[in-house]
Amino acid sequence: MRTAAVVGTGLIGTSVALALTARGVTTYLIDRDGAAARTAAALGAGTAGAPPAPVDLAVLAVPPGKVAEVLEEHQKDGLARAYTDVASVKGRPQAELAARGCDLASFVGGHPMAGRERSGPRAGRADLFDGRPWVLTPHPATRSAVLRRGLELVRLCGAVPVVLEPDAHDRAVALVSHVPHLLATLMAARLCDGEDFAVRLAGQGLRDVTRVAAGDAGLWTDILATNAEAVAEVLGELAEDLDAVLRALRALQTLAATPAGPAGSGPAAELTGLLRRGNAGHARIPGKHGGTALPYSSVRVVLRDRANELARLLADASLTGANIEDIRLEHATNKDAGLVELLVAGESAGRLAADLTRREWTVHV
């Protein structure tokens, strides 16, 4: 691929353009908001404006509900020899493409499974897709050369290609992306009615649960509406689980003043069963390099709020020889300090804690 055009210079579009430009692809940036395209260009994502001749590939980085309209427009203009999109819903947009009479032979649907809670071109990163799945959903009419071009895009962006049917993709993202985002948003919305003292008690768990709720509300309305059927199906199943939790909790409240029943039975057992299903589901989330998630031990270190403190901690930790698998930060409330959680293989946690303690860090295992 020598030339490309990116239509839409938000987070994903700018990130695609940055990745392509970094790999020597001449990239043109098209956006109805000229200021956004110019901002992306100033960040090194390419050249703002339409290309002088058809490009090898056009990437449509627009909301799902706009894919068909934008593809029709640019196919008529002859923008590119091949087209793809990055929308997070595939079934309904593809049906709309067919209804509009778009050339499906020159199009392959795409969806990089990466993002951030921030939006706009300034949030773009050339490495956003590194190692992340990138789903391609070719239509039966899609030419093999166009599919190869889509696979080349995935490779240039450092992602891992996954080929799926559009409906299978939509069911999958409803489960692992769309419903989780909606639940994070609903939980965050509950905080609007919470008393100030309650919100101030929030810890890292609540921040983790609600992190993605900061996403663009307008974009997510489009995503949820376009994938409404699959999202509603997952929500219906979740609602059944919530009903079971409510019944169990209300039964436990009623039983609180009565003698305990047989151990391991009744509403408490039902609640435990639901929690254990959660344990089992969490264990299925892929771990390092996409393999089975492994159990790690946690070494928590107090971090003072001053320049280069985190870099100094990591430098000291590297001297111990411990293989740090993950890092989590937790900020303290009303205090110029926080906690850094270093996740390591179980057998090295004790050594890491001891070595950091000798180096005068305050450590909790």
Protein backbone atom coordinates (compact mmCIF):
# COMPACT_ATOMS: atom_id res chain seq x y z
CA MET A 1 0.00 0.00 0.00
CA ARG A 2 1.46 3.33 -1.07
CA THR A 3 -1.45 5.74 -0.65
CA ALA A 4 -4.48 5.92 1.64
CA ALA A 5 -7.26 8.27 2.64
CA VAL A 6 -8.84 8.42 6.07
CA VAL A 7 -12.35 9.86 6.16
CA GLY A 8 -13.06 11.09 9.68
CA THR A 9 -10.28 12.32 11.95
CA GLY A 10 -11.51 11.42 15.40
CA LEU A 11 -9.64 9.11 17.76
CA ILE A 12 -9.73 5.99 15.56
CA GLY A 13 -9.29 7.71 12.20
CA THR A 14 -6.35 9.78 13.40
CA SER A 15 -4.77 6.71 15.01
CA VAL A 16 -5.07 4.77 11.74
CA ALA A 17 -3.56 7.69 9.83
CA LEU A 18 -0.69 8.06 12.31
CA ALA A 19 0.09 4.33 12.02
CA LEU A 20 0.02 4.40 8.21
CA THR A 21 2.10 7.56 7.93
CA ALA A 22 4.67 6.12 10.33
CA ARG A 23 5.06 3.18 7.93
CA GLY A 24 5.61 5.32 4.87
CA VAL A 25 2.08 5.33 3.44
CA THR A 26 1.13 8.69 1.93
CA THR A 27 -2.10 9.46 3.78
CA TYR A 28 -4.77 12.07 3.08
CA LEU A 29 -7.18 13.30 5.76
CA ILE A 30 -10.79 14.12 4.92
CA ASP A 31 -13.26 15.49 7.45
CA ARG A 32 -16.31 17.70 7.19
CA ASP A 33 -14.81 19.50 10.17
CA GLY A 34 -11.79 21.04 8.47
CA ALA A 35 -10.29 22.05 11.80
CA ALA A 36 -10.20 18.41 12.93
CA ALA A 37 -8.41 17.34 9.73
CA ARG A 38 -5.89 20.16 10.10
CA THR A 39 -5.29 19.21 13.74
CA ALA A 40 -4.65 15.60 12.75
CA ALA A 41 -2.28 16.78 10.02
CA ALA A 42 -0.40 18.97 12.49
CA LEU A 43 0.05 15.87 14.66
CA GLY A 44 1.79 14.10 11.77
CA ALA A 45 -1.14 11.98 10.59
CA GLY A 46 -0.93 13.02 6.95
CA THR A 47 -2.07 15.76 4.59
CA ALA A 48 -5.40 17.51 5.12
CA GLY A 49 -7.56 17.40 2.01
CA ALA A 50 -8.58 15.06 -0.79
CA PRO A 51 -5.91 13.18 -2.77
CA PRO A 52 -5.08 14.24 -6.35
CA ALA A 53 -5.82 10.73 -7.66
CA PRO A 54 -7.57 7.58 -6.40
CA VAL A 55 -5.72 6.04 -3.45
CA ASP A 56 -5.05 2.37 -2.78
CA LEU A 57 -7.40 2.27 0.23
CA ALA A 58 -9.91 4.57 1.87
CA VAL A 59 -10.66 4.02 5.55
CA LEU A 60 -14.08 5.31 6.62
CA ALA A 61 -13.74 6.30 10.28
CA VAL A 62 -17.33 7.42 10.81
CA PRO A 63 -20.14 6.24 13.14
CA PRO A 64 -21.99 3.05 12.13
CA GLY A 65 -25.07 4.96 11.05
CA LYS A 66 -23.03 7.04 8.57
CA VAL A 67 -21.01 4.27 6.87
CA ALA A 68 -23.42 3.63 3.98
CA GLU A 69 -23.94 7.32 3.22
CA VAL A 70 -20.21 8.10 3.28
CA LEU A 71 -19.22 5.05 1.22
CA GLU A 72 -21.82 5.88 -1.44
CA GLU A 73 -20.53 9.46 -1.61
CA HIS A 74 -16.87 8.55 -1.99
CA GLN A 75 -17.41 5.66 -4.38
CA LYS A 76 -19.20 8.12 -6.68
CA ASP A 77 -16.23 10.50 -6.34
CA GLY A 78 -13.77 7.70 -7.12
CA LEU A 79 -11.77 8.33 -3.94
CA ALA A 80 -10.12 4.90 -3.81
CA ARG A 81 -9.68 1.51 -5.45
CA ALA A 82 -10.68 -0.27 -2.23
CA TYR A 83 -12.65 0.74 0.86
CA THR A 84 -13.02 -0.37 4.46
CA ASP A 85 -14.54 1.07 7.61
CA VAL A 86 -13.78 0.93 11.34
CA ALA A 87 -17.32 1.08 12.72
CA SER A 88 -18.13 -1.11 15.70
CA VAL A 89 -21.32 -2.53 14.15
CA LYS A 90 -21.30 -4.50 10.88
CA GLY A 91 -24.65 -6.16 10.10
CA ARG A 92 -26.97 -3.17 9.70
CA PRO A 93 -24.44 -0.94 7.88
CA GLN A 94 -23.75 -3.74 5.39
CA ALA A 95 -27.48 -4.13 4.73
CA GLU A 96 -27.71 -0.37 4.17
CA LEU A 97 -24.80 -0.53 1.71
CA ALA A 98 -26.67 -3.10 -0.34
CA ALA A 99 -29.89 -1.09 -0.19
CA ARG A 100 -28.10 1.99 -1.52
CA GLY A 101 -26.57 0.01 -4.35
CA CYS A 102 -22.97 0.54 -3.22
CA ASP A 103 -20.20 -1.45 -4.88
CA LEU A 104 -19.68 -4.23 -2.33
CA ALA A 105 -16.95 -5.83 -4.42
CA SER A 106 -14.58 -2.98 -3.51
CA PHE A 107 -15.52 -2.91 0.18
CA VAL A 108 -14.55 -5.01 3.20
CA GLY A 109 -16.01 -4.23 6.61
CA GLY A 110 -13.57 -3.72 9.46
CA HIS A 111 -13.51 -3.04 13.19
CA PRO A 112 -10.34 -2.58 15.26
CA MET A 113 -11.01 -3.70 18.83
CA ALA A 114 -9.21 -0.78 20.43
CA GLY A 115 -10.13 2.61 21.77
CA ARG A 116 -9.87 5.06 24.61
CA GLU A 117 -12.32 6.96 26.77
CA ARG A 118 -10.99 10.15 25.13
CA SER A 119 -12.11 11.37 21.72
CA GLY A 120 -10.95 13.67 18.94
CA PRO A 121 -7.75 13.81 16.89
CA ARG A 122 -5.55 14.83 19.81
CA ALA A 123 -6.34 11.50 21.48
CA GLY A 124 -4.96 9.57 18.49
CA ARG A 125 -1.95 7.28 18.88
CA ALA A 126 0.05 5.42 16.25
CA ASP A 127 0.35 2.41 18.58
CA LEU A 128 -3.33 2.25 19.53
CA PHE A 129 -3.87 -1.02 17.64
CA ASP A 130 -0.64 -2.83 18.51
CA GLY A 131 -1.46 -6.46 19.27
CA ARG A 132 -5.20 -5.80 19.31
CA PRO A 133 -7.77 -7.87 17.36
CA TRP A 134 -9.01 -6.23 14.16
CA VAL A 135 -12.14 -7.87 12.78
CA LEU A 136 -12.73 -8.00 9.02
CA THR A 137 -16.21 -8.90 7.72
CA PRO A 138 -16.01 -9.48 3.96
CA HIS A 139 -19.22 -9.66 1.96
CA PRO A 140 -19.62 -12.62 -0.46
CA ALA A 141 -19.11 -10.07 -3.26
CA THR A 142 -15.87 -8.66 -1.80
CA ARG A 143 -12.98 -9.19 -4.22
CA SER A 144 -10.02 -11.16 -2.88
CA ALA A 145 -7.69 -8.26 -3.74
CA VAL A 146 -9.82 -5.96 -1.55
CA LEU A 147 -9.71 -8.42 1.35
CA ARG A 148 -5.92 -8.60 0.97
CA ARG A 149 -5.80 -4.82 1.10
CA GLY A 150 -7.78 -4.89 4.34
CA LEU A 151 -5.39 -7.47 5.77
CA GLU A 152 -2.48 -5.25 4.75
CA LEU A 153 -4.05 -2.35 6.65
CA VAL A 154 -4.35 -4.51 9.75
CA ARG A 155 -0.70 -5.53 9.46
CA LEU A 156 0.51 -1.96 8.96
CA CYS A 157 -1.38 -0.89 12.07
CA GLY A 158 0.22 -3.70 14.12
CA ALA A 159 -3.09 -5.45 14.84
CA VAL A 160 -4.14 -9.11 14.67
CA PRO A 161 -6.68 -9.97 11.93
CA VAL A 162 -9.87 -11.89 12.74
CA VAL A 163 -12.37 -12.73 9.97
CA LEU A 164 -16.03 -13.06 11.02
CA GLU A 165 -19.52 -12.96 9.59
CA PRO A 166 -21.16 -9.55 10.27
CA ASP A 167 -23.88 -10.95 12.55
CA ALA A 168 -21.37 -13.02 14.54
CA HIS A 169 -19.28 -9.88 15.01
CA ASP A 170 -22.27 -7.89 16.23
CA ARG A 171 -23.25 -10.54 18.78
CA ALA A 172 -19.68 -10.71 20.03
CA VAL A 173 -19.18 -6.98 20.48
CA ALA A 174 -22.56 -6.65 22.16
CA LEU A 175 -21.27 -9.04 24.83
CA VAL A 176 -17.69 -7.81 25.25
CA SER A 177 -17.96 -4.10 24.40
CA HIS A 178 -21.36 -2.51 23.93
CA VAL A 179 -23.18 -3.86 27.00
CA PRO A 180 -20.15 -3.36 29.28
CA HIS A 181 -19.99 0.27 28.12
CA LEU A 182 -23.70 0.73 28.78
CA LEU A 183 -23.42 -0.83 32.26
CA ALA A 184 -20.43 1.40 33.10
CA THR A 185 -22.50 4.38 32.03
CA LEU A 186 -25.53 3.33 34.08
CA MET A 187 -23.37 2.83 37.16
CA ALA A 188 -21.72 6.22 36.65
CA ALA A 189 -25.15 7.81 36.22
CA ARG A 190 -26.11 6.51 39.68
CA LEU A 191 -23.39 8.76 41.10
CA CYS A 192 -25.32 11.85 39.96
CA ASP A 193 -27.85 11.13 42.72
CA GLY A 194 -25.32 10.07 45.34
CA GLU A 195 -24.50 12.26 48.31
CA ASP A 196 -21.16 14.06 48.18
CA PHE A 197 -19.72 12.11 51.11
CA ALA A 198 -20.59 8.83 49.41
CA VAL A 199 -18.89 9.77 46.14
CA ARG A 200 -15.79 10.85 48.05
CA LEU A 201 -15.49 7.32 49.39
CA ALA A 202 -14.92 6.01 45.84
CA GLY A 203 -11.87 3.82 45.37
CA GLN A 204 -10.10 2.24 42.45
CA GLY A 205 -12.78 -0.41 41.99
CA LEU A 206 -15.41 2.20 41.10
CA ARG A 207 -12.96 4.01 38.83
CA ASP A 208 -12.26 0.75 37.00
CA VAL A 209 -15.96 -0.07 36.62
CA THR A 210 -16.91 3.39 35.30
CA ARG A 211 -13.77 4.33 33.30
CA VAL A 212 -15.32 3.98 29.84
CA ALA A 213 -18.39 5.99 30.88
CA ALA A 214 -16.42 9.10 29.88
CA GLY A 215 -16.84 8.13 26.19
CA ASP A 216 -18.60 10.29 23.61
CA ALA A 217 -22.35 10.07 24.35
CA GLY A 218 -23.41 10.92 20.79
CA LEU A 219 -21.18 8.27 19.22
CA TRP A 220 -22.33 5.62 21.69
CA THR A 221 -25.98 6.44 21.04
CA ASP A 222 -25.32 5.69 17.36
CA ILE A 223 -23.47 2.46 18.19
CA LEU A 224 -26.15 1.14 20.54
CA ALA A 225 -28.98 2.09 18.19
CA THR A 226 -27.28 0.41 15.23
CA ASN A 227 -26.64 -2.79 17.19
CA ALA A 228 -29.90 -2.63 19.15
CA GLU A 229 -31.01 -6.23 18.59
CA ALA A 230 -27.80 -7.88 19.82
CA VAL A 231 -27.43 -5.45 22.74
CA ALA A 232 -31.04 -6.00 23.82
CA GLU A 233 -30.53 -9.78 23.77
CA VAL A 234 -27.51 -9.60 26.11
CA LEU A 235 -29.28 -7.08 28.34
CA GLY A 236 -32.30 -9.37 28.60
CA GLU A 237 -30.11 -12.21 29.86
CA LEU A 238 -28.39 -9.83 32.26
CA ALA A 239 -31.77 -8.63 33.51
CA GLU A 240 -32.64 -12.22 34.45
CA ASP A 241 -29.45 -12.41 36.52
CA LEU A 242 -30.26 -9.08 38.18
CA ASP A 243 -33.75 -10.32 39.02
CA ALA A 244 -32.21 -13.41 40.63
CA VAL A 245 -29.85 -11.23 42.69
CA LEU A 246 -32.74 -9.02 43.81
CA ARG A 247 -34.82 -12.01 44.85
CA ALA A 248 -31.90 -13.47 46.79
CA LEU A 249 -31.11 -10.21 48.58
CA ARG A 250 -34.74 -9.56 49.52
CA ALA A 251 -35.11 -13.11 50.77
CA LEU A 252 -31.96 -12.70 52.87
CA GLN A 253 -33.35 -9.48 54.32
CA THR A 254 -36.54 -11.31 55.29
CA LEU A 255 -34.61 -14.21 56.80
CA ALA A 256 -32.25 -11.97 58.77
CA ALA A 257 -34.49 -12.09 61.84
CA THR A 258 -35.23 -15.80 61.60
CA PRO A 259 -33.10 -18.83 62.44
CA ALA A 260 -30.56 -19.79 59.78
CA GLY A 261 -31.52 -22.54 57.37
CA PRO A 262 -29.33 -25.45 56.30
CA ALA A 263 -25.79 -24.47 55.33
CA GLY A 264 -25.21 -24.11 51.61
CA SER A 265 -28.88 -23.73 50.71
CA GLY A 266 -31.43 -21.02 50.08
CA PRO A 267 -30.90 -17.45 48.81
CA ALA A 268 -27.34 -17.19 50.15
CA ALA A 269 -26.35 -20.24 48.10
CA GLU A 270 -28.03 -18.76 45.02
CA LEU A 271 -26.12 -15.51 45.50
CA THR A 272 -22.86 -17.42 45.95
CA GLY A 273 -23.56 -19.34 42.76
CA LEU A 274 -24.02 -16.13 40.78
CA LEU A 275 -20.80 -14.70 42.21
CA ARG A 276 -18.92 -17.87 41.29
CA ARG A 277 -20.24 -17.64 37.75
CA GLY A 278 -18.68 -14.20 37.71
CA ASN A 279 -15.38 -15.70 38.85
CA ALA A 280 -15.57 -18.26 36.05
CA GLY A 281 -16.44 -15.67 33.42
CA HIS A 282 -13.64 -13.36 34.49
CA ALA A 283 -11.19 -16.26 34.22
CA ARG A 284 -12.11 -16.61 30.52
CA ILE A 285 -10.87 -13.13 29.65
CA PRO A 286 -7.63 -13.61 27.69
CA GLY A 287 -4.44 -12.90 29.59
CA LYS A 288 -0.93 -12.06 28.43
CA HIS A 289 -0.33 -12.66 24.69
CA GLY A 290 -3.98 -13.76 24.38
CA GLY A 291 -3.44 -16.92 26.43
CA THR A 292 -5.15 -18.13 29.57
CA ALA A 293 -5.09 -15.53 32.32
CA LEU A 294 -2.67 -16.55 35.03
CA PRO A 295 -2.95 -15.72 38.74
CA TYR A 296 -0.50 -13.06 39.85
CA SER A 297 0.56 -11.81 43.26
CA SER A 298 0.23 -8.15 44.13
CA VAL A 299 2.95 -5.98 45.62
CA ARG A 300 1.56 -2.58 46.61
CA VAL A 301 3.97 0.31 46.99
CA VAL A 302 3.26 3.78 48.40
CA LEU A 303 4.13 6.40 45.79
CA ARG A 304 4.72 10.00 46.81
CA ASP A 305 3.42 12.72 44.49
CA ARG A 306 6.66 14.12 43.12
CA ALA A 307 8.49 14.22 39.80
CA ASN A 308 10.02 10.98 38.48
CA GLU A 309 8.84 8.95 41.47
CA LEU A 310 7.21 6.25 39.32
CA ALA A 311 10.27 6.02 37.06
CA ARG A 312 12.48 5.61 40.12
CA LEU A 313 10.26 2.84 41.49
CA LEU A 314 10.28 0.93 38.21
CA ALA A 315 14.05 1.32 37.94
CA ASP A 316 14.50 -0.10 41.45
CA ALA A 317 12.02 -2.93 40.71
CA SER A 318 13.93 -3.87 37.55
CA LEU A 319 17.10 -4.37 39.59
CA THR A 320 15.36 -7.16 41.53
CA GLY A 321 14.91 -9.25 38.38
CA ALA A 322 11.17 -9.61 38.94
CA ASN A 323 9.02 -9.92 35.81
CA ILE A 324 6.30 -7.29 36.29
CA GLU A 325 3.22 -8.42 34.36
CA ASP A 326 0.98 -5.39 34.97
CA ILE A 327 0.85 -2.08 36.81
CA ARG A 328 -2.15 -0.36 38.39
CA LEU A 329 -2.27 3.10 39.93
CA GLU A 330 -4.58 4.16 42.72
CA HIS A 331 -4.67 7.77 43.84
CA ALA A 332 -5.26 8.62 47.48
CA THR A 333 -8.02 11.04 48.45
CA ASN A 334 -6.84 14.34 50.00
CA LYS A 335 -3.28 13.13 50.23
CA ASP A 336 -0.14 13.76 48.16
CA ALA A 337 0.47 10.07 47.65
CA GLY A 338 -0.99 7.01 46.04
CA LEU A 339 -0.47 3.31 45.61
CA VAL A 340 1.20 1.48 42.76
CA GLU A 341 0.17 -2.16 42.45
CA LEU A 342 2.82 -4.31 40.80
CA LEU A 343 1.49 -7.67 39.59
CA VAL A 344 4.13 -10.39 39.38
CA ALA A 345 4.38 -14.17 39.28
CA GLY A 346 3.66 -15.55 42.75
CA GLU A 347 7.12 -16.91 43.47
CA SER A 348 8.81 -13.54 42.84
CA ALA A 349 6.45 -11.35 44.90
CA GLY A 350 8.21 -11.96 48.21
CA ARG A 351 11.63 -11.22 46.78
CA LEU A 352 10.38 -8.05 45.06
CA ALA A 353 8.72 -6.81 48.27
CA ALA A 354 11.83 -7.50 50.33
CA ASP A 355 14.18 -5.82 47.85
CA LEU A 356 12.00 -2.72 47.54
CA THR A 357 11.73 -2.50 51.31
CA ARG A 358 15.52 -2.55 51.55
CA ARG A 359 15.55 0.32 49.09
CA GLU A 360 13.35 2.28 51.54
CA TRP A 361 10.02 1.96 49.72
CA THR A 362 6.89 1.46 51.84
CA VAL A 363 5.55 -1.90 50.66
CA HIS A 364 2.35 -3.87 51.29
CA VAL A 365 2.02 -7.45 50.01
